């Protein structure tokens, strides 16, 4: 089943941000085992996860190397002044993000 994960925050959950970053790293590490994961899209403060210095950059590299598309919102990167700090993949746009979601059979938002 084609699955897309949407990351719209730089941590997981609504509680403590430090804990949320820790469990997000674990979640992303375990995502490599998900059958059918085709893409991870990033928008709003979720784009902070895909820039140099991100605490989950190694996990994202692992997913990308495993064939998972990573789509960070270019407008969001601009807003946070992070566009030049993305090395792993080029900035994306809302059209590409919508295409990923449209192709998916399942969308999981964290």
N, C-alpha and C. Protein backbone atom coordinates (compact mmCIF):
# COMPACT_ATOMS: atom_id res chain seq x y z
N UNK A 1 0.85 -1.18 0.00
CA UNK A 1 0.00 0.00 0.00
C UNK A 1 0.90 1.25 0.00
N UNK A 2 0.73 2.10 -0.98
CA UNK A 2 1.53 3.32 -1.07
C UNK A 2 1.15 4.25 0.08
N UNK A 3 2.15 4.56 0.90
CA UNK A 3 1.93 5.36 2.10
C UNK A 3 2.80 6.61 2.08
N UNK A 4 2.22 7.73 2.47
CA UNK A 4 2.94 8.99 2.62
C UNK A 4 2.81 9.44 4.07
N UNK A 5 3.92 9.85 4.65
CA UNK A 5 3.91 10.42 5.99
C UNK A 5 4.06 11.93 5.86
N UNK A 6 3.22 12.66 6.59
CA UNK A 6 3.24 14.12 6.60
C UNK A 6 3.80 14.57 7.94
N UNK A 7 4.88 15.34 7.89
CA UNK A 7 5.48 15.91 9.09
C UNK A 7 5.28 17.42 9.04
N UNK A 8 4.41 17.92 9.89
CA UNK A 8 4.11 19.35 9.88
C UNK A 8 4.62 20.05 11.14
N UNK A 9 5.49 19.38 11.86
CA UNK A 9 6.06 19.93 13.07
C UNK A 9 7.47 19.37 13.22
N UNK A 10 8.29 20.02 14.02
CA UNK A 10 9.67 19.54 14.19
C UNK A 10 9.80 18.56 15.36
N UNK A 11 8.68 18.11 15.89
CA UNK A 11 8.67 17.07 16.91
C UNK A 11 7.37 16.29 16.80
N UNK A 12 7.28 15.19 17.51
CA UNK A 12 6.12 14.31 17.42
C UNK A 12 5.24 14.52 18.64
N UNK A 13 3.95 14.69 18.41
CA UNK A 13 3.01 14.83 19.51
C UNK A 13 2.84 16.28 19.96
N UNK A 14 2.00 16.44 20.99
CA UNK A 14 1.66 17.77 21.46
C UNK A 14 2.17 18.06 22.86
N UNK A 15 2.97 17.18 23.41
CA UNK A 15 3.51 17.38 24.75
C UNK A 15 4.86 18.06 24.70
N UNK A 16 5.76 17.58 25.51
CA UNK A 16 7.10 18.14 25.63
C UNK A 16 7.86 18.02 24.30
N UNK A 17 8.43 19.12 23.82
CA UNK A 17 9.11 19.14 22.53
C UNK A 17 10.38 18.30 22.54
N UNK A 18 11.11 18.29 23.64
CA UNK A 18 12.33 17.49 23.71
C UNK A 18 12.01 16.01 23.59
N UNK A 19 11.00 15.57 24.33
CA UNK A 19 10.55 14.18 24.22
C UNK A 19 10.04 13.91 22.82
N UNK A 20 9.31 14.86 22.25
CA UNK A 20 8.77 14.69 20.90
C UNK A 20 9.84 14.51 19.84
N UNK A 21 10.98 15.20 19.99
CA UNK A 21 12.09 15.03 19.05
C UNK A 21 12.72 13.65 19.20
N UNK A 22 12.83 13.19 20.44
CA UNK A 22 13.43 11.88 20.70
C UNK A 22 12.57 10.76 20.09
N UNK A 23 11.27 10.81 20.33
CA UNK A 23 10.43 9.73 19.81
C UNK A 23 10.26 9.83 18.29
N UNK A 24 10.36 11.04 17.75
CA UNK A 24 10.31 11.18 16.29
C UNK A 24 11.52 10.51 15.65
N UNK A 25 12.70 10.68 16.25
CA UNK A 25 13.90 10.03 15.72
C UNK A 25 13.72 8.51 15.72
N UNK A 26 13.18 7.98 16.80
CA UNK A 26 12.94 6.54 16.87
C UNK A 26 11.92 6.12 15.82
N UNK A 27 10.85 6.88 15.70
CA UNK A 27 9.82 6.58 14.70
C UNK A 27 10.41 6.54 13.30
N UNK A 28 11.20 7.55 12.94
CA UNK A 28 11.78 7.61 11.60
C UNK A 28 12.76 6.45 11.36
N UNK A 29 13.51 6.08 12.38
CA UNK A 29 14.42 4.95 12.26
C UNK A 29 13.64 3.66 11.96
N UNK A 30 12.51 3.50 12.61
CA UNK A 30 11.68 2.30 12.44
C UNK A 30 10.89 2.33 11.13
N UNK A 31 10.72 3.50 10.54
CA UNK A 31 9.95 3.62 9.29
C UNK A 31 10.57 2.85 8.14
N UNK A 32 11.85 2.59 8.21
CA UNK A 32 12.51 1.83 7.15
C UNK A 32 11.86 0.46 6.99
N UNK A 33 11.21 -0.03 8.03
CA UNK A 33 10.56 -1.34 7.99
C UNK A 33 9.14 -1.27 7.43
N UNK A 34 8.62 -0.08 7.23
CA UNK A 34 7.25 0.06 6.70
C UNK A 34 7.21 -0.35 5.24
N UNK A 35 6.38 -1.29 4.95
CA UNK A 35 6.20 -1.71 3.56
C UNK A 35 5.31 -0.69 2.86
N UNK A 36 5.76 -0.22 1.72
CA UNK A 36 4.94 0.69 0.94
C UNK A 36 5.15 2.17 1.22
N UNK A 37 6.07 2.50 2.12
CA UNK A 37 6.33 3.93 2.37
C UNK A 37 6.99 4.52 1.13
N UNK A 38 6.31 5.47 0.51
CA UNK A 38 6.82 6.04 -0.74
C UNK A 38 7.37 7.45 -0.57
N UNK A 39 6.86 8.20 0.42
CA UNK A 39 7.30 9.59 0.56
C UNK A 39 7.06 10.10 1.97
N UNK A 40 7.87 11.08 2.33
CA UNK A 40 7.65 11.88 3.53
C UNK A 40 7.61 13.33 3.06
N UNK A 41 6.53 14.02 3.40
CA UNK A 41 6.43 15.43 3.03
C UNK A 41 6.56 16.28 4.30
N UNK A 42 7.16 17.43 4.13
CA UNK A 42 7.45 18.32 5.25
C UNK A 42 6.86 19.69 4.95
N UNK A 43 6.10 20.22 5.88
CA UNK A 43 5.65 21.60 5.74
C UNK A 43 5.57 22.24 7.12
N UNK A 44 5.34 23.55 7.13
CA UNK A 44 5.39 24.36 8.33
C UNK A 44 6.71 24.06 9.05
N UNK A 45 6.72 23.97 10.39
CA UNK A 45 8.00 23.78 11.08
C UNK A 45 8.58 22.39 10.88
N UNK A 46 7.86 21.50 10.21
CA UNK A 46 8.41 20.20 9.87
C UNK A 46 9.62 20.30 8.96
N UNK A 47 9.75 21.39 8.21
CA UNK A 47 10.91 21.54 7.32
C UNK A 47 12.21 21.69 8.11
N UNK A 48 12.12 22.04 9.38
CA UNK A 48 13.32 22.15 10.22
C UNK A 48 14.01 20.80 10.39
N UNK A 49 13.30 19.73 10.09
CA UNK A 49 13.84 18.39 10.25
C UNK A 49 14.80 17.99 9.13
N UNK A 50 14.74 18.67 8.00
CA UNK A 50 15.48 18.22 6.83
C UNK A 50 16.66 19.14 6.47
N UNK A 51 17.06 19.97 7.41
CA UNK A 51 18.17 20.89 7.17
C UNK A 51 19.41 20.46 7.96
N UNK A 52 20.57 21.02 7.57
CA UNK A 52 21.81 20.74 8.28
C UNK A 52 21.62 20.97 9.78
N UNK A 53 22.14 20.05 10.57
CA UNK A 53 22.04 20.17 12.02
C UNK A 53 20.80 19.54 12.62
N UNK A 54 19.91 19.03 11.79
CA UNK A 54 18.69 18.40 12.28
C UNK A 54 19.04 17.15 13.08
N UNK A 55 18.35 16.93 14.21
CA UNK A 55 18.63 15.73 15.01
C UNK A 55 18.15 14.43 14.36
N UNK A 56 17.39 14.53 13.27
CA UNK A 56 16.91 13.32 12.59
C UNK A 56 17.42 13.21 11.16
N UNK A 57 18.45 13.96 10.84
CA UNK A 57 18.96 13.94 9.46
C UNK A 57 19.50 12.56 9.08
N UNK A 58 20.14 11.87 9.98
CA UNK A 58 20.66 10.52 9.68
C UNK A 58 19.51 9.57 9.33
N UNK A 59 18.42 9.67 10.07
CA UNK A 59 17.26 8.82 9.80
C UNK A 59 16.65 9.15 8.44
N UNK A 60 16.61 10.43 8.11
CA UNK A 60 16.07 10.83 6.81
C UNK A 60 16.97 10.37 5.67
N UNK A 61 18.28 10.43 5.89
CA UNK A 61 19.22 9.90 4.88
C UNK A 61 18.94 8.42 4.65
N UNK A 62 18.72 7.68 5.73
CA UNK A 62 18.45 6.25 5.62
C UNK A 62 17.19 6.00 4.79
N UNK A 63 16.14 6.76 5.06
CA UNK A 63 14.90 6.60 4.30
C UNK A 63 15.13 6.94 2.83
N UNK A 64 15.79 8.07 2.59
CA UNK A 64 16.05 8.52 1.22
C UNK A 64 16.89 7.48 0.47
N UNK A 65 17.91 6.96 1.12
CA UNK A 65 18.76 5.94 0.50
C UNK A 65 17.98 4.67 0.21
N UNK A 66 16.91 4.44 0.97
CA UNK A 66 16.05 3.29 0.75
C UNK A 66 14.96 3.51 -0.28
N UNK A 67 14.98 4.67 -0.95
CA UNK A 67 14.04 4.93 -2.03
C UNK A 67 12.82 5.74 -1.66
N UNK A 68 12.76 6.27 -0.45
CA UNK A 68 11.63 7.09 -0.03
C UNK A 68 11.86 8.54 -0.50
N UNK A 69 10.88 9.10 -1.19
CA UNK A 69 10.97 10.50 -1.62
C UNK A 69 10.77 11.42 -0.42
N UNK A 70 11.60 12.46 -0.33
CA UNK A 70 11.48 13.46 0.72
C UNK A 70 11.13 14.78 0.05
N UNK A 71 10.02 15.39 0.48
CA UNK A 71 9.51 16.59 -0.18
C UNK A 71 9.32 17.72 0.83
N UNK A 72 10.35 18.56 1.02
CA UNK A 72 10.20 19.72 1.91
C UNK A 72 9.59 20.91 1.17
N UNK A 73 8.61 21.54 1.78
CA UNK A 73 7.93 22.70 1.21
C UNK A 73 8.91 23.87 1.07
N UNK A 74 9.11 24.31 -0.17
CA UNK A 74 10.02 25.43 -0.43
C UNK A 74 9.56 26.73 0.20
N UNK A 75 8.26 27.00 0.18
CA UNK A 75 7.72 28.22 0.79
C UNK A 75 8.00 28.22 2.29
N UNK A 76 7.85 27.07 2.93
CA UNK A 76 8.09 26.97 4.37
C UNK A 76 9.58 27.15 4.68
N UNK A 77 10.43 26.56 3.85
CA UNK A 77 11.87 26.75 4.03
C UNK A 77 12.23 28.23 3.92
N UNK A 78 11.66 28.91 2.95
CA UNK A 78 11.88 30.35 2.79
C UNK A 78 11.42 31.11 4.04
N UNK A 79 10.24 30.79 4.51
CA UNK A 79 9.67 31.47 5.68
C UNK A 79 10.60 31.38 6.89
N UNK A 80 11.16 30.20 7.11
CA UNK A 80 12.05 30.00 8.26
C UNK A 80 13.51 30.37 7.95
N UNK A 81 13.78 30.83 6.72
CA UNK A 81 15.15 31.20 6.35
C UNK A 81 16.08 30.00 6.26
N UNK A 82 15.55 28.85 5.84
CA UNK A 82 16.31 27.60 5.85
C UNK A 82 16.59 27.04 4.46
N UNK A 83 16.16 27.71 3.43
CA UNK A 83 16.27 27.16 2.07
C UNK A 83 17.69 26.75 1.72
N UNK A 84 18.67 27.53 2.12
CA UNK A 84 20.07 27.25 1.78
C UNK A 84 20.67 26.16 2.65
N UNK A 85 19.96 25.70 3.65
CA UNK A 85 20.49 24.69 4.56
C UNK A 85 20.03 23.27 4.24
N UNK A 86 19.32 23.12 3.12
CA UNK A 86 18.85 21.80 2.70
C UNK A 86 19.88 21.22 1.74
N UNK A 87 20.47 20.07 2.11
CA UNK A 87 21.47 19.42 1.27
C UNK A 87 21.00 18.08 0.71
N UNK A 88 20.13 17.43 1.43
CA UNK A 88 19.74 16.07 1.09
C UNK A 88 18.92 15.98 -0.20
N UNK A 89 17.93 16.84 -0.33
CA UNK A 89 17.04 16.86 -1.49
C UNK A 89 16.75 18.31 -1.84
N UNK A 90 16.35 18.58 -3.07
CA UNK A 90 15.99 19.96 -3.40
C UNK A 90 14.66 20.35 -2.76
N UNK A 91 14.47 21.63 -2.49
CA UNK A 91 13.17 22.08 -2.00
C UNK A 91 12.07 21.70 -2.99
N UNK A 92 10.92 21.40 -2.45
CA UNK A 92 9.78 20.99 -3.26
C UNK A 92 8.78 22.14 -3.32
N UNK A 93 7.58 21.84 -3.78
CA UNK A 93 6.53 22.85 -3.81
C UNK A 93 5.20 22.16 -3.53
N UNK A 94 4.17 22.94 -3.35
CA UNK A 94 2.88 22.37 -2.97
C UNK A 94 2.31 21.47 -4.07
N UNK A 95 2.60 21.76 -5.32
CA UNK A 95 2.12 20.89 -6.40
C UNK A 95 2.70 19.48 -6.26
N UNK A 96 4.00 19.38 -5.98
CA UNK A 96 4.63 18.07 -5.81
C UNK A 96 4.13 17.37 -4.55
N UNK A 97 3.91 18.13 -3.50
CA UNK A 97 3.38 17.56 -2.26
C UNK A 97 1.98 17.00 -2.49
N UNK A 98 1.15 17.75 -3.19
CA UNK A 98 -0.21 17.30 -3.52
C UNK A 98 -0.15 16.03 -4.38
N UNK A 99 0.76 15.98 -5.34
CA UNK A 99 0.90 14.79 -6.18
C UNK A 99 1.26 13.56 -5.35
N UNK A 100 2.16 13.72 -4.39
CA UNK A 100 2.54 12.59 -3.52
C UNK A 100 1.33 12.10 -2.73
N UNK A 101 0.57 13.04 -2.19
CA UNK A 101 -0.61 12.67 -1.40
C UNK A 101 -1.67 12.03 -2.29
N UNK A 102 -1.83 12.55 -3.50
CA UNK A 102 -2.82 12.02 -4.42
C UNK A 102 -2.52 10.58 -4.84
N UNK A 103 -1.23 10.27 -5.02
CA UNK A 103 -0.82 8.92 -5.42
C UNK A 103 -0.92 7.92 -4.26
N UNK A 104 -0.94 8.42 -3.04
CA UNK A 104 -0.93 7.55 -1.86
C UNK A 104 -2.26 6.86 -1.67
N UNK A 105 -2.19 5.66 -1.14
CA UNK A 105 -3.39 4.96 -0.71
C UNK A 105 -3.67 5.23 0.77
N UNK A 106 -2.60 5.65 1.47
CA UNK A 106 -2.73 5.97 2.88
C UNK A 106 -1.82 7.15 3.20
N UNK A 107 -2.35 8.12 3.95
CA UNK A 107 -1.58 9.29 4.38
C UNK A 107 -1.62 9.33 5.90
N UNK A 108 -0.44 9.38 6.51
CA UNK A 108 -0.31 9.43 7.96
C UNK A 108 0.27 10.79 8.34
N UNK A 109 -0.45 11.54 9.14
CA UNK A 109 0.03 12.85 9.59
C UNK A 109 0.45 12.75 11.05
N UNK A 110 1.68 13.17 11.32
CA UNK A 110 2.18 13.15 12.70
C UNK A 110 2.17 14.55 13.27
